[in-house]
PDB file of N, CA and C in Angstrom:
ATOM      1  N   MET A   1     144.661  83.226 105.565  1.00  0.00           N
ATOM      2  CA  MET A   1     143.879  83.363 104.243  1.00  0.00           C
ATOM      3  C   MET A   1     142.792  82.245 104.271  1.00  0.00           C
ATOM      4  N   LYS A   2     143.099  81.039 105.253  1.00  0.00           N
ATOM      5  CA  LYS A   2     141.789  80.008 105.400  1.00  0.00           C
ATOM      6  C   LYS A   2     140.779  80.973 106.344  1.00  0.00           C
ATOM      7  N   TYR A   3     141.273  81.783 107.219  1.00  0.00           N
ATOM      8  CA  TYR A   3     139.980  82.670 107.925  1.00  0.00           C
ATOM      9  C   TYR A   3     139.358  83.160 107.144  1.00  0.00           C
ATOM     10  N   ILE A   4     139.659  84.024 105.982  1.00  0.00           N
ATOM     11  CA  ILE A   4     138.921  84.732 105.280  1.00  0.00           C
ATOM     12  C   ILE A   4     137.968  83.937 104.690  1.00  0.00           C
ATOM     13  N   TYR A   5     138.090  82.877 104.225  1.00  0.00           N
ATOM     14  CA  TYR A   5     137.388  81.663 103.417  1.00  0.00           C
ATOM     15  C   TYR A   5     136.145  81.433 104.486  1.00  0.00           C
ATOM     16  N   VAL A   6     136.614  80.991 105.524  1.00  0.00           N
ATOM     17  CA  VAL A   6     135.777  80.275 106.490  1.00  0.00           C
ATOM     18  C   VAL A   6     134.811  81.606 106.961  1.00  0.00           C
ATOM     19  N   VAL A   7     135.198  82.719 107.312  1.00  0.00           N
ATOM     20  CA  VAL A   7     134.485  83.900 107.540  1.00  0.00           C
ATOM     21  C   VAL A   7     133.093  84.239 106.491  1.00  0.00           C
ATOM     22  N   LEU A   8     133.703  84.019 105.073  1.00  0.00           N
ATOM     23  CA  LEU A   8     132.777  84.415 104.061  1.00  0.00           C
ATOM     24  C   LEU A   8     131.891  83.249 103.878  1.00  0.00           C
ATOM     25  N   PHE A   9     132.541  82.135 104.304  1.00  0.00           N
ATOM     26  CA  PHE A   9     131.486  81.117 104.072  1.00  0.00           C
ATOM     27  C   PHE A   9     130.291  81.093 105.133  1.00  0.00           C
ATOM     28  N   LEU A  10     130.783  81.535 106.353  1.00  0.00           N
ATOM     29  CA  LEU A  10     129.724  81.551 107.506  1.00  0.00           C
ATOM     30  C   LEU A  10     128.806  82.724 107.123  1.00  0.00           C
ATOM     31  N   PHE A  11     129.218  83.814 106.763  1.00  0.00           N
ATOM     32  CA  PHE A  11     128.597  85.091 106.233  1.00  0.00           C
ATOM     33  C   PHE A  11     127.646  84.618 105.406  1.00  0.00           C
ATOM     34  N   PHE A  12     127.714  84.133 104.225  1.00  0.00           N
ATOM     35  CA  PHE A  12     126.713  83.655 103.096  1.00  0.00           C
ATOM     36  C   PHE A  12     125.955  82.537 103.385  1.00  0.00           C
ATOM     37  N   THR A  13     126.296  81.579 104.369  1.00  0.00           N
ATOM     38  CA  THR A  13     125.517  80.612 105.002  1.00  0.00           C
ATOM     39  C   THR A  13     124.553  81.322 105.822  1.00  0.00           C
ATOM     40  N   LEU A  14     124.744  82.212 106.777  1.00  0.00           N
ATOM     41  CA  LEU A  14     123.654  82.849 107.525  1.00  0.00           C
ATOM     42  C   LEU A  14     122.870  83.682 106.697  1.00  0.00           C
ATOM     43  N   PHE A  15     123.449  84.546 105.707  1.00  0.00           N
ATOM     44  CA  PHE A  15     122.594  85.178 104.676  1.00  0.00           C
ATOM     45  C   PHE A  15     121.584  84.543 103.996  1.00  0.00           C
ATOM     46  N   PHE A  16     121.843  83.452 103.332  1.00  0.00           N
ATOM     47  CA  PHE A  16     120.888  82.697 102.729  1.00  0.00           C
ATOM     48  C   PHE A  16     119.967  81.872 103.685  1.00  0.00           C
ATOM     49  N   ALA A  17     120.623  81.537 104.880  1.00  0.00           N
ATOM     50  CA  ALA A  17     119.587  80.624 105.504  1.00  0.00           C
ATOM     51  C   ALA A  17     118.711  81.442 106.282  1.00  0.00           C
ATOM     52  N   THR A  18     118.807  82.750 106.593  1.00  0.00           N
ATOM     53  CA  THR A  18     117.919  83.759 107.101  1.00  0.00           C
ATOM     54  C   THR A  18     116.768  83.942 105.913  1.00  0.00           C
ATOM     55  N   GLY A  19     117.235  83.975 104.890  1.00  0.00           N
ATOM     56  CA  GLY A  19     116.142  84.288 103.796  1.00  0.00           C
ATOM     57  C   GLY A  19     115.234  83.056 103.641  1.00  0.00           C
ATOM     58  N   CYS A  20     115.631  81.842 104.050  1.00  0.00           N
ATOM     59  CA  CYS A  20     114.806  80.652 103.792  1.00  0.00           C
ATOM     60  C   CYS A  20     113.874  80.617 105.011  1.00  0.00           C
ATOM     61  N   ILE A  21     114.011  81.169 106.017  1.00  0.00           N
ATOM     62  CA  ILE A  21     112.964  81.063 107.258  1.00  0.00           C
ATOM     63  C   ILE A  21     111.621  81.622 106.674  1.00  0.00           C
ATOM     64  N   LYS A  22     110.783  80.725 106.894  1.00  0.00           N
ATOM     65  CA  LYS A  22     109.332  81.272 106.346  1.00  0.00           C
ATOM     66  C   LYS A  22     108.335  81.351 107.414  1.00  0.00           C
ATOM     67  N   SER A  23     107.585  82.327 107.325  1.00  0.00           N
ATOM     68  CA  SER A  23     106.655  82.835 108.704  1.00  0.00           C
ATOM     69  C   SER A  23     105.378  81.883 108.475  1.00  0.00           C
ATOM     70  N   ASP A  24     104.760  81.744 109.607  1.00  0.00           N
ATOM     71  CA  ASP A  24     103.515  81.158 109.658  1.00  0.00           C
ATOM     72  C   ASP A  24     102.458  81.890 109.009  1.00  0.00           C
ATOM     73  N   LEU A  25     102.594  83.430 109.081  1.00  0.00           N
ATOM     74  CA  LEU A  25     101.560  84.317 108.736  1.00  0.00           C
ATOM     75  C   LEU A  25     100.865  83.983 107.240  1.00  0.00           C
ATOM     76  N   PRO A  26     101.662  83.852 105.986  1.00  0.00           N
ATOM     77  CA  PRO A  26     100.896  83.383 105.041  1.00  0.00           C
ATOM     78  C   PRO A  26     100.274  82.118 105.121  1.00  0.00           C
ATOM     79  N   ASN A  27     100.582  81.205 105.462  1.00  0.00           N
ATOM     80  CA  ASN A  27      99.989  79.878 105.767  1.00  0.00           C
ATOM     81  C   ASN A  27      98.835  79.932 106.500  1.00  0.00           C
ATOM     82  N   ALA A  28      98.743  80.822 107.257  1.00  0.00           N
ATOM     83  CA  ALA A  28      97.389  81.112 108.411  1.00  0.00           C
ATOM     84  C   ALA A  28      96.637  81.670 107.586  1.00  0.00           C
ATOM     85  N   PHE A  29      96.852  82.504 106.679  1.00  0.00           N
ATOM     86  CA  PHE A  29      95.845  83.222 105.923  1.00  0.00           C
ATOM     87  C   PHE A  29      95.541  82.461 104.427  1.00  0.00           C
ATOM     88  N   ASN A  30      96.257  81.473 104.183  1.00  0.00           N
ATOM     89  CA  ASN A  30      96.052  80.387 103.323  1.00  0.00           C
ATOM     90  C   ASN A  30      95.140  79.384 103.678  1.00  0.00           C
ATOM     91  N   GLY A  31      94.962  79.210 104.989  1.00  0.00           N
ATOM     92  CA  GLY A  31      94.141  78.172 105.514  1.00  0.00           C
ATOM     93  C   GLY A  31      94.812  76.599 105.757  1.00  0.00           C
ATOM     94  N   VAL A  32      96.160  76.833 105.796  1.00  0.00           N
ATOM     95  CA  VAL A  32      96.862  75.619 106.012  1.00  0.00           C
ATOM     96  C   VAL A  32      96.625  75.079 107.336  1.00  0.00           C
ATOM     97  N   PHE A  33      96.434  75.826 108.394  1.00  0.00           N
ATOM     98  CA  PHE A  33      96.224  74.942 109.622  1.00  0.00           C
ATOM     99  C   PHE A  33      95.054  74.880 109.829  1.00  0.00           C
ATOM    100  N   ASP A  34      94.549  74.478 111.218  1.00  0.00           N
ATOM    101  CA  ASP A  34      93.103  74.302 111.818  1.00  0.00           C
ATOM    102  C   ASP A  34      92.599  75.819 111.921  1.00  0.00           C
ATOM    103  N   GLU A  35      91.359  75.729 112.091  1.00  0.00           N
ATOM    104  CA  GLU A  35      90.701  77.152 112.442  1.00  0.00           C
ATOM    105  C   GLU A  35      91.544  77.793 113.707  1.00  0.00           C
ATOM    106  N   GLU A  36      91.527  77.085 114.840  1.00  0.00           N
ATOM    107  CA  GLU A  36      92.171  77.644 115.813  1.00  0.00           C
ATOM    108  C   GLU A  36      93.704  78.201 115.693  1.00  0.00           C
ATOM    109  N   LYS A  37      94.416  77.421 115.113  1.00  0.00           N
ATOM    110  CA  LYS A  37      95.932  78.006 114.766  1.00  0.00           C
ATOM    111  C   LYS A  37      95.903  79.133 113.909  1.00  0.00           C
ATOM    112  N   ASN A  38      95.117  79.004 112.893  1.00  0.00           N
ATOM    113  CA  ASN A  38      95.005  80.383 112.038  1.00  0.00           C
ATOM    114  C   ASN A  38      94.735  81.322 112.832  1.00  0.00           C
ATOM    115  N   ASN A  39      93.845  81.460 113.374  1.00  0.00           N
ATOM    116  CA  ASN A  39      93.365  82.478 114.148  1.00  0.00           C
ATOM    117  C   ASN A  39      94.305  83.021 115.165  1.00  0.00           C
ATOM    118  N   LYS A  40      95.044  82.066 115.709  1.00  0.00           N
ATOM    119  CA  LYS A  40      95.909  82.412 116.796  1.00  0.00           C
ATOM    120  C   LYS A  40      97.213  83.033 116.164  1.00  0.00           C
ATOM    121  N   VAL A  41      97.772  82.628 115.034  1.00  0.00           N
ATOM    122  CA  VAL A  41      98.892  83.234 114.262  1.00  0.00           C
ATOM    123  C   VAL A  41      98.479  84.690 113.734  1.00  0.00           C
ATOM    124  N   ILE A  42      97.344  84.728 112.967  1.00  0.00           N
ATOM    125  CA  ILE A  42      96.967  85.943 112.713  1.00  0.00           C
ATOM    126  C   ILE A  42      96.701  87.105 113.919  1.00  0.00           C
ATOM    127  N   SER A  43      96.026  86.515 115.058  1.00  0.00           N
ATOM    128  CA  SER A  43      95.828  87.566 115.877  1.00  0.00           C
ATOM    129  C   SER A  43      97.327  87.872 116.636  1.00  0.00           C
ATOM    130  N   GLU A  44      98.168  86.857 116.988  1.00  0.00           N
ATOM    131  CA  GLU A  44      99.692  87.311 117.263  1.00  0.00           C
ATOM    132  C   GLU A  44     100.217  88.404 116.346  1.00  0.00           C
ATOM    133  N   TYR A  45     100.039  88.109 115.379  1.00  0.00           N
ATOM    134  CA  TYR A  45     100.490  89.175 114.073  1.00  0.00           C
ATOM    135  C   TYR A  45     100.043  90.551 114.553  1.00  0.00           C
ATOM    136  N   CYS A  46      98.450  90.685 114.686  1.00  0.00           N
ATOM    137  CA  CYS A  46      97.686  91.828 114.818  1.00  0.00           C
ATOM    138  C   CYS A  46      98.191  92.468 116.312  1.00  0.00           C
ATOM    139  N   THR A  47      98.361  91.767 117.213  1.00  0.00           N
ATOM    140  CA  THR A  47      98.685  92.208 118.542  1.00  0.00           C
ATOM    141  C   THR A  47     100.327  92.802 118.967  1.00  0.00           C
ATOM    142  N   ARG A  48     101.036  92.596 117.512  1.00  0.00           N
ATOM    143  CA  ARG A  48     102.343  93.155 117.877  1.00  0.00           C
ATOM    144  C   ARG A  48     102.653  94.811 117.655  1.00  0.00           C
ATOM    145  N   CYS A  49     101.431  95.074 116.909  1.00  0.00           N
ATOM    146  CA  CYS A  49     101.632  96.529 116.964  1.00  0.00           C
ATOM    147  C   CYS A  49     100.740  97.395 118.103  1.00  0.00           C
ATOM    148  N   HIS A  50     101.225  98.733 118.433  1.00  0.00           N
ATOM    149  CA  HIS A  50     100.933  99.256 119.641  1.00  0.00           C
ATOM    150  C   HIS A  50      99.245  99.729 119.445  1.00  0.00           C
ATOM    151  N   ILE A  51      98.883  99.815 118.248  1.00  0.00           N
ATOM    152  CA  ILE A  51      97.269 100.111 118.037  1.00  0.00           C
ATOM    153  C   ILE A  51      96.376  98.978 118.600  1.00  0.00           C
ATOM    154  N   HIS A  52      96.685  97.860 118.206  1.00  0.00           N
ATOM    155  CA  HIS A  52      95.936  96.500 118.549  1.00  0.00           C
ATOM    156  C   HIS A  52      96.533  95.841 119.773  1.00  0.00           C
ATOM    157  N   LYS A  53      97.184  96.260 120.556  1.00  0.00           N
ATOM    158  CA  LYS A  53      98.231  95.549 121.776  1.00  0.00           C
ATOM    159  C   LYS A  53      97.172  95.005 122.531  1.00  0.00           C
ATOM    160  N   GLU A  54      95.875  95.287 122.860  1.00  0.00           N
ATOM    161  CA  GLU A  54      94.687  94.668 123.801  1.00  0.00           C
ATOM    162  C   GLU A  54      93.739  94.163 122.974  1.00  0.00           C
ATOM    163  N   PHE A  55      94.284  93.619 121.747  1.00  0.00           N
ATOM    164  CA  PHE A  55      92.971  93.201 120.990  1.00  0.00           C
ATOM    165  C   PHE A  55      92.669  91.688 121.484  1.00  0.00           C
ATOM    166  N   SER A  56      91.334  91.456 121.248  1.00  0.00           N
ATOM    167  CA  SER A  56      90.848  90.034 121.477  1.00  0.00           C
ATOM    168  C   SER A  56      90.072  89.546 120.248  1.00  0.00           C
ATOM    169  N   SER A  57      90.783  88.669 119.561  1.00  0.00           N
ATOM    170  CA  SER A  57      90.073  88.049 118.513  1.00  0.00           C
ATOM    171  C   SER A  57      88.763  87.500 118.487  1.00  0.00           C
ATOM    172  N   GLU A  58      88.645  86.736 119.582  1.00  0.00           N
ATOM    173  CA  GLU A  58      87.205  86.054 119.684  1.00  0.00           C
ATOM    174  C   GLU A  58      85.989  86.849 119.821  1.00  0.00           C
ATOM    175  N   SER A  59      86.032  87.979 120.694  1.00  0.00           N
ATOM    176  CA  SER A  59      85.070  89.037 120.875  1.00  0.00           C
ATOM    177  C   SER A  59      84.833  89.694 119.566  1.00  0.00           C
ATOM    178  N   HIS A  60      86.320  90.070 118.832  1.00  0.00           N
ATOM    179  CA  HIS A  60      86.085  90.856 117.732  1.00  0.00           C
ATOM    180  C   HIS A  60      85.191  90.032 116.539  1.00  0.00           C
ATOM    181  N   VAL A  61      85.576  88.782 116.371  1.00  0.00           N
ATOM    182  CA  VAL A  61      84.883  87.975 115.205  1.00  0.00           C
ATOM    183  C   VAL A  61      83.567  88.096 115.600  1.00  0.00           C
ATOM    184  N   GLN A  62      82.938  87.781 116.946  1.00  0.00           N
ATOM    185  CA  GLN A  62      81.438  87.767 116.997  1.00  0.00           C
ATOM    186  C   GLN A  62      80.815  89.161 116.982  1.00  0.00           C
ATOM    187  N   LYS A  63      81.603  90.227 117.413  1.00  0.00           N
ATOM    188  CA  LYS A  63      81.087  91.414 117.148  1.00  0.00           C
ATOM    189  C   LYS A  63      80.858  91.720 115.693  1.00  0.00           C
ATOM    190  N   VAL A  64      81.980  91.876 115.004  1.00  0.00           N
ATOM    191  CA  VAL A  64      82.040  92.238 113.376  1.00  0.00           C
ATOM    192  C   VAL A  64      81.182  91.555 112.620  1.00  0.00           C
ATOM    193  N   ARG A  65      81.092  90.295 112.733  1.00  0.00           N
ATOM    194  CA  ARG A  65      80.667  89.643 111.832  1.00  0.00           C
ATOM    195  C   ARG A  65      79.103  89.807 111.538  1.00  0.00           C
ATOM    196  N   LEU A  66      78.457  90.677 112.518  1.00  0.00           N
ATOM    197  CA  LEU A  66      76.989  91.145 112.184  1.00  0.00           C
ATOM    198  C   LEU A  66      76.830  92.172 111.547  1.00  0.00           C
ATOM    199  N   LYS A  67      77.992  92.836 111.369  1.00  0.00           N
ATOM    200  CA  LYS A  67      77.947  93.975 110.303  1.00  0.00           C
ATOM    201  C   LYS A  67      77.606  93.516 108.804  1.00  0.00           C
ATOM    202  N   TYR A  68      77.970  92.178 108.391  1.00  0.00           N
ATOM    203  CA  TYR A  68      77.948  91.885 107.161  1.00  0.00           C
ATOM    204  C   TYR A  68      76.694  91.308 106.681  1.00  0.00           C
ATOM    205  N   LYS A  69      76.359  91.304 105.416  1.00  0.00           N
ATOM    206  CA  LYS A  69      75.075  90.861 104.874  1.00  0.00           C
ATOM    207  C   LYS A  69      75.050  89.355 104.236  1.00  0.00           C
ATOM    208  N   ARG A  70      76.405  89.101 103.607  1.00  0.00           N
ATOM    209  CA  ARG A  70      76.383  87.638 103.030  1.00  0.00           C
ATOM    210  C   ARG A  70      77.042  86.712 104.122  1.00  0.00           C
ATOM    211  N   LYS A  71      76.017  85.603 103.508  1.00  0.00           N
ATOM    212  CA  LYS A  71      76.187  84.478 104.641  1.00  0.00           C
ATOM    213  C   LYS A  71      77.572  83.933 105.136  1.00  0.00           C
ATOM    214  N   LEU A  72      78.612  83.591 104.012  1.00  0.00           N
ATOM    215  CA  LEU A  72      79.926  83.532 104.627  1.00  0.00           C
ATOM    216  C   LEU A  72      80.618  84.187 105.414  1.00  0.00           C
ATOM    217  N   PHE A  73      80.452  85.554 105.570  1.00  0.00           N
ATOM    218  CA  PHE A  73      80.831  86.888 106.457  1.00  0.00           C
ATOM    219  C   PHE A  73      80.054  86.496 107.922  1.00  0.00           C
ATOM    220  N   ARG A  74      78.977  86.395 107.681  1.00  0.00           N
ATOM    221  CA  ARG A  74      77.960  86.327 108.928  1.00  0.00           C
ATOM    222  C   ARG A  74      78.422  85.088 109.835  1.00  0.00           C
ATOM    223  N   VAL A  75      78.586  83.807 109.190  1.00  0.00           N
ATOM    224  CA  VAL A  75      79.105  82.789 109.959  1.00  0.00           C
ATOM    225  C   VAL A  75      80.448  82.452 109.942  1.00  0.00           C
ATOM    226  N   ALA A  76      81.097  83.658 109.958  1.00  0.00           N
ATOM    227  CA  ALA A  76      82.680  83.264 109.928  1.00  0.00           C
ATOM    228  C   ALA A  76      83.262  83.090 111.200  1.00  0.00           C
ATOM    229  N   ARG A  77      84.239  81.955 111.348  1.00  0.00           N
ATOM    230  CA  ARG A  77      84.913  81.772 112.940  1.00  0.00           C
ATOM    231  C   ARG A  77      86.151  81.989 112.329  1.00  0.00           C
ATOM    232  N   GLU A  78      86.635  82.504 111.426  1.00  0.00           N
ATOM    233  CA  GLU A  78      88.237  82.704 111.127  1.00  0.00           C
ATOM    234  C   GLU A  78      88.222  84.042 111.044  1.00  0.00           C
ATOM    235  N   CYS A  79      89.594  84.740 111.184  1.00  0.00           N
ATOM    236  CA  CYS A  79      90.084  85.895 110.929  1.00  0.00           C
ATOM    237  C   CYS A  79      90.364  86.260 109.245  1.00  0.00           C
ATOM    238  N   ARG A  80      90.824  85.219 108.728  1.00  0.00           N
ATOM    239  CA  ARG A  80      91.206  84.988 107.330  1.00  0.00           C
ATOM    240  C   ARG A  80      89.939  85.233 106.445  1.00  0.00           C
ATOM    241  N   VAL A  81      88.733  85.152 106.941  1.00  0.00           N
ATOM    242  CA  VAL A  81      87.603  85.448 106.049  1.00  0.00           C
ATOM    243  C   VAL A  81      87.502  86.945 105.558  1.00  0.00           C
ATOM    244  N   CYS A  82      87.607  87.704 106.868  1.00  0.00           N
ATOM    245  CA  CYS A  82      87.245  89.182 106.470  1.00  0.00           C
ATOM    246  C   CYS A  82      89.019  89.855 106.272  1.00  0.00           C
ATOM    247  N   HIS A  83      89.835  89.377 106.556  1.00  0.00           N
ATOM    248  CA  HIS A  83      91.154  89.517 106.488  1.00  0.00           C
ATOM    249  C   HIS A  83      92.055  88.866 105.507  1.00  0.00           C
ATOM    250  N   TYR A  84      92.845  89.696 104.835  1.00  0.00           N
ATOM    251  CA  TYR A  84      93.815  88.904 103.937  1.00  0.00           C
ATOM    252  C   TYR A  84      95.174  90.136 104.172  1.00  0.00           C
ATOM    253  N   ILE A  85      96.160  89.354 103.550  1.00  0.00           N
ATOM    254  CA  ILE A  85      97.750  90.223 103.594  1.00  0.00           C
ATOM    255  C   ILE A  85      98.027  90.433 101.926  1.00  0.00           C
ATOM    256  N   GLU A  86      98.861  91.404 101.666  1.00  0.00           N
ATOM    257  CA  GLU A  86      99.437  91.631 100.574  1.00  0.00           C
ATOM    258  C   GLU A  86     100.776  91.846 100.792  1.00  0.00           C
ATOM    259  N   LYS A  87     101.557  91.405 100.119  1.00  0.00           N
ATOM    260  CA  LYS A  87     103.160  91.638 100.263  1.00  0.00           C
ATOM    261  C   LYS A  87     103.728  92.578  98.919  1.00  0.00           C
ATOM    262  N   GLU A  88     104.230  93.668  99.635  1.00  0.00           N
ATOM    263  CA  GLU A  88     105.035  94.500  98.827  1.00  0.00           C
ATOM    264  C   GLU A  88     106.518  94.169  98.675  1.00  0.00           C
ATOM    265  N   TRP A  89     106.683  93.743  97.436  1.00  0.00           N
ATOM    266  CA  TRP A  89     107.879  93.332  97.312  1.00  0.00           C
ATOM    267  C   TRP A  89     109.062  94.322  97.434  1.00  0.00           C
ATOM    268  N   SER A  90     108.668  95.578  96.913  1.00  0.00           N
ATOM    269  CA  SER A  90     109.650  96.521  96.757  1.00  0.00           C
ATOM    270  C   SER A  90     110.151  96.759  98.060  1.00  0.00           C
ATOM    271  N   TYR A  91     109.350  96.891  99.144  1.00  0.00           N
ATOM    272  CA  TYR A  91     109.626  97.256 100.551  1.00  0.00           C
ATOM    273  C   TYR A  91     109.909  96.175 101.366  1.00  0.00           C
ATOM    274  N   ASN A  92     109.448  94.769 100.887  1.00  0.00           N
ATOM    275  CA  ASN A  92     109.685  93.648 101.674  1.00  0.00           C
ATOM    276  C   ASN A  92     108.808  93.661 102.931  1.00  0.00           C
ATOM    277  N   HIS A  93     107.565  93.948 102.888  1.00  0.00           N
ATOM    278  CA  HIS A  93     106.654  94.355 103.971  1.00  0.00           C
ATOM    279  C   HIS A  93     105.456  93.683 103.723  1.00  0.00           C
ATOM    280  N   ILE A  94     104.598  93.196 104.626  1.00  0.00           N
ATOM    281  CA  ILE A  94     103.268  92.604 104.718  1.00  0.00           C
ATOM    282  C   ILE A  94     102.457  93.461 105.180  1.00  0.00           C
ATOM    283  N   PHE A  95     101.236  93.868 104.306  1.00  0.00           N
ATOM    284  CA  PHE A  95     100.093  94.748 104.596  1.00  0.00           C
ATOM    285  C   PHE A  95      98.875  93.674 105.155  1.00  0.00           C
ATOM    286  N   ARG A  96      98.373  93.908 106.108  1.00  0.00           N
ATOM    287  CA  ARG A  96      96.923  93.199 106.409  1.00  0.00           C
ATOM    288  C   ARG A  96      95.918  94.148 105.696  1.00  0.00           C
ATOM    289  N   LYS A  97      95.045  93.689 104.974  1.00  0.00           N
ATOM    290  CA  LYS A  97      93.976  94.268 104.431  1.00  0.00           C
ATOM    291  C   LYS A  97      92.507  93.667 104.775  1.00  0.00           C
ATOM    292  N   THR A  98      91.404  94.424 104.795  1.00  0.00           N
ATOM    293  CA  THR A  98      90.229  94.152 105.242  1.00  0.00           C
ATOM    294  C   THR A  98      89.247  94.116 104.322  1.00  0.00           C
ATOM    295  N   ARG A  99      88.305  93.131 103.987  1.00  0.00           N
ATOM    296  CA  ARG A  99      87.230  92.838 103.286  1.00  0.00           C
ATOM    297  C   ARG A  99      86.311  93.722 103.958  1.00  0.00           C
ATOM    298  N   ARG A 100      85.730  95.045 103.856  1.00  0.00           N
ATOM    299  CA  ARG A 100      84.929  95.528 104.511  1.00  0.00           C
ATOM    300  C   ARG A 100      83.506  95.213 104.094  1.00  0.00           C
ATOM    301  N   PRO A 101      82.671  95.535 105.037  1.00  0.00           N
ATOM    302  CA  PRO A 101      80.987  95.165 104.965  1.00  0.00           C
ATOM    303  C   PRO A 101      80.547  95.852 103.718  1.00  0.00           C
ATOM    304  N   ASN A 102      80.901  96.923 103.295  1.00  0.00           N
ATOM    305  CA  ASN A 102      80.270  97.673 102.268  1.00  0.00           C
ATOM    306  C   ASN A 102      80.884  97.313 100.874  1.00  0.00           C
ATOM    307  N   GLN A 103      82.128  96.689 100.809  1.00  0.00           N
ATOM    308  CA  GLN A 103      82.763  95.850  99.756  1.00  0.00           C
ATOM    309  C   GLN A 103      82.233  94.765  99.436  1.00  0.00           C
ATOM    310  N   VAL A 104      81.832  93.962 100.615  1.00  0.00           N
ATOM    311  CA  VAL A 104      81.420  92.745 100.419  1.00  0.00           C
ATOM    312  C   VAL A 104      79.963  92.736  99.979  1.00  0.00           C
ATOM    313  N   LYS A 105      79.340  93.836 100.425  1.00  0.00           N
ATOM    314  CA  LYS A 105      77.902  93.866 100.017  1.00  0.00           C
ATOM    315  C   LYS A 105      77.699  94.400  98.346  1.00  0.00           C
ATOM    316  N   ARG A 106      78.817  94.994  97.874  1.00  0.00           N
ATOM    317  CA  ARG A 106      78.848  95.545  96.660  1.00  0.00           C
ATOM    318  C   ARG A 106      79.311  94.293  95.750  1.00  0.00           C
ATOM    319  N   GLY A 107      79.703  93.064  96.263  1.00  0.00           N
ATOM    320  CA  GLY A 107      80.020  91.915  95.497  1.00  0.00           C
ATOM    321  C   GLY A 107      81.416  91.921  95.007  1.00  0.00           C
ATOM    322  N   ILE A 108      82.304  92.909  95.562  1.00  0.00           N
ATOM    323  CA  ILE A 108      83.782  92.778  95.227  1.00  0.00           C
ATOM    324  C   ILE A 108      84.545  91.387  95.271  1.00  0.00           C
ATOM    325  N   PHE A 109      84.107  90.796  96.308  1.00  0.00           N
ATOM    326  CA  PHE A 109      84.878  89.530  96.728  1.00  0.00           C
ATOM    327  C   PHE A 109      83.889  88.147  96.500  1.00  0.00           C
ATOM    328  N   LYS A 110      83.267  88.363  95.693  1.00  0.00           N
ATOM    329  CA  LYS A 110      82.190  87.081  95.225  1.00  0.00           C
ATOM    330  C   LYS A 110      83.280  85.848  94.807  1.00  0.00           C
ATOM    331  N   ASN A 111      84.420  86.310  93.996  1.00  0.00           N
ATOM    332  CA  ASN A 111      85.296  84.928  93.747  1.00  0.00           C
ATOM    333  C   ASN A 111      86.044  84.621  94.899  1.00  0.00           C
ATOM    334  N   PHE A 112      86.268  85.244  95.741  1.00  0.00           N
ATOM    335  CA  PHE A 112      86.898  84.816  97.071  1.00  0.00           C
ATOM    336  C   PHE A 112      85.878  84.099  97.619  1.00  0.00           C
ATOM    337  N   GLU A 113      84.811  84.323  97.799  1.00  0.00           N
ATOM    338  CA  GLU A 113      83.650  83.171  98.609  1.00  0.00           C
ATOM    339  C   GLU A 113      83.380  82.096  97.697  1.00  0.00           C
ATOM    340  N   LYS A 114      83.465  81.967  96.733  1.00  0.00           N
ATOM    341  CA  LYS A 114      83.269  80.717  95.835  1.00  0.00           C
ATOM    342  C   LYS A 114      84.797  79.976  95.893  1.00  0.00           C
ATOM    343  N   GLU A 115      85.722  80.586  95.845  1.00  0.00           N
ATOM    344  CA  GLU A 115      86.931  79.747  96.315  1.00  0.00           C
ATOM    345  C   GLU A 115      87.137  79.304  97.663  1.00  0.00           C
ATOM    346  N   PHE A 116      86.650  80.049  98.469  1.00  0.00           N
ATOM    347  CA  PHE A 116      86.767  79.559 100.205  1.00  0.00           C
ATOM    348  C   PHE A 116      85.584  78.413 100.373  1.00  0.00           C
ATOM    349  N   LEU A 117      84.352  78.664  99.583  1.00  0.00           N
ATOM    350  CA  LEU A 117      83.580  77.779  99.786  1.00  0.00           C
ATOM    351  C   LEU A 117      84.011  76.115  99.506  1.00  0.00           C
ATOM    352  N   LYS A 118      84.595  76.433  98.148  1.00  0.00           N
ATOM    353  CA  LYS A 118      85.099  75.221  97.410  1.00  0.00           C
ATOM    354  C   LYS A 118      86.144  74.288  98.263  1.00  0.00           C
ATOM    355  N   LYS A 119      86.815  75.256  99.012  1.00  0.00           N
ATOM    356  CA  LYS A 119      87.953  74.641  99.889  1.00  0.00           C
ATOM    357  C   LYS A 119      87.153  73.913 101.108  1.00  0.00           C
ATOM    358  N   LYS A 120      86.129  74.281 101.668  1.00  0.00           N
ATOM    359  CA  LYS A 120      85.699  73.765 102.764  1.00  0.00           C
ATOM    360  C   LYS A 120      84.778  72.377 102.336  1.00  0.00           C
TER     361      LYS A 120
END
């Protein structure tokens, strides 16, 4: 009978402990780390999928920021300026989203720009 309690204890301990492990990805998108680490964590997340396996974040940032018209996006050095994540709780999945140049041009992300500049 003792073994059953020990096994149940270990099972629940492992179950709850794994739920407490936090990913660095949300912290990187929130700007908790310095620029370099934020970009590294986000880039590693992107290169995990087969489509972006050979992705280079440095050249990407320099090339893509020229497509934007607003100053914050044209001088961006961090991936999190143009990209963000949304978590879908029903599937327990994180989706990476993009603030596209045409959306930025229309002013959809003005609140984000103000908040980002305030934090800097």
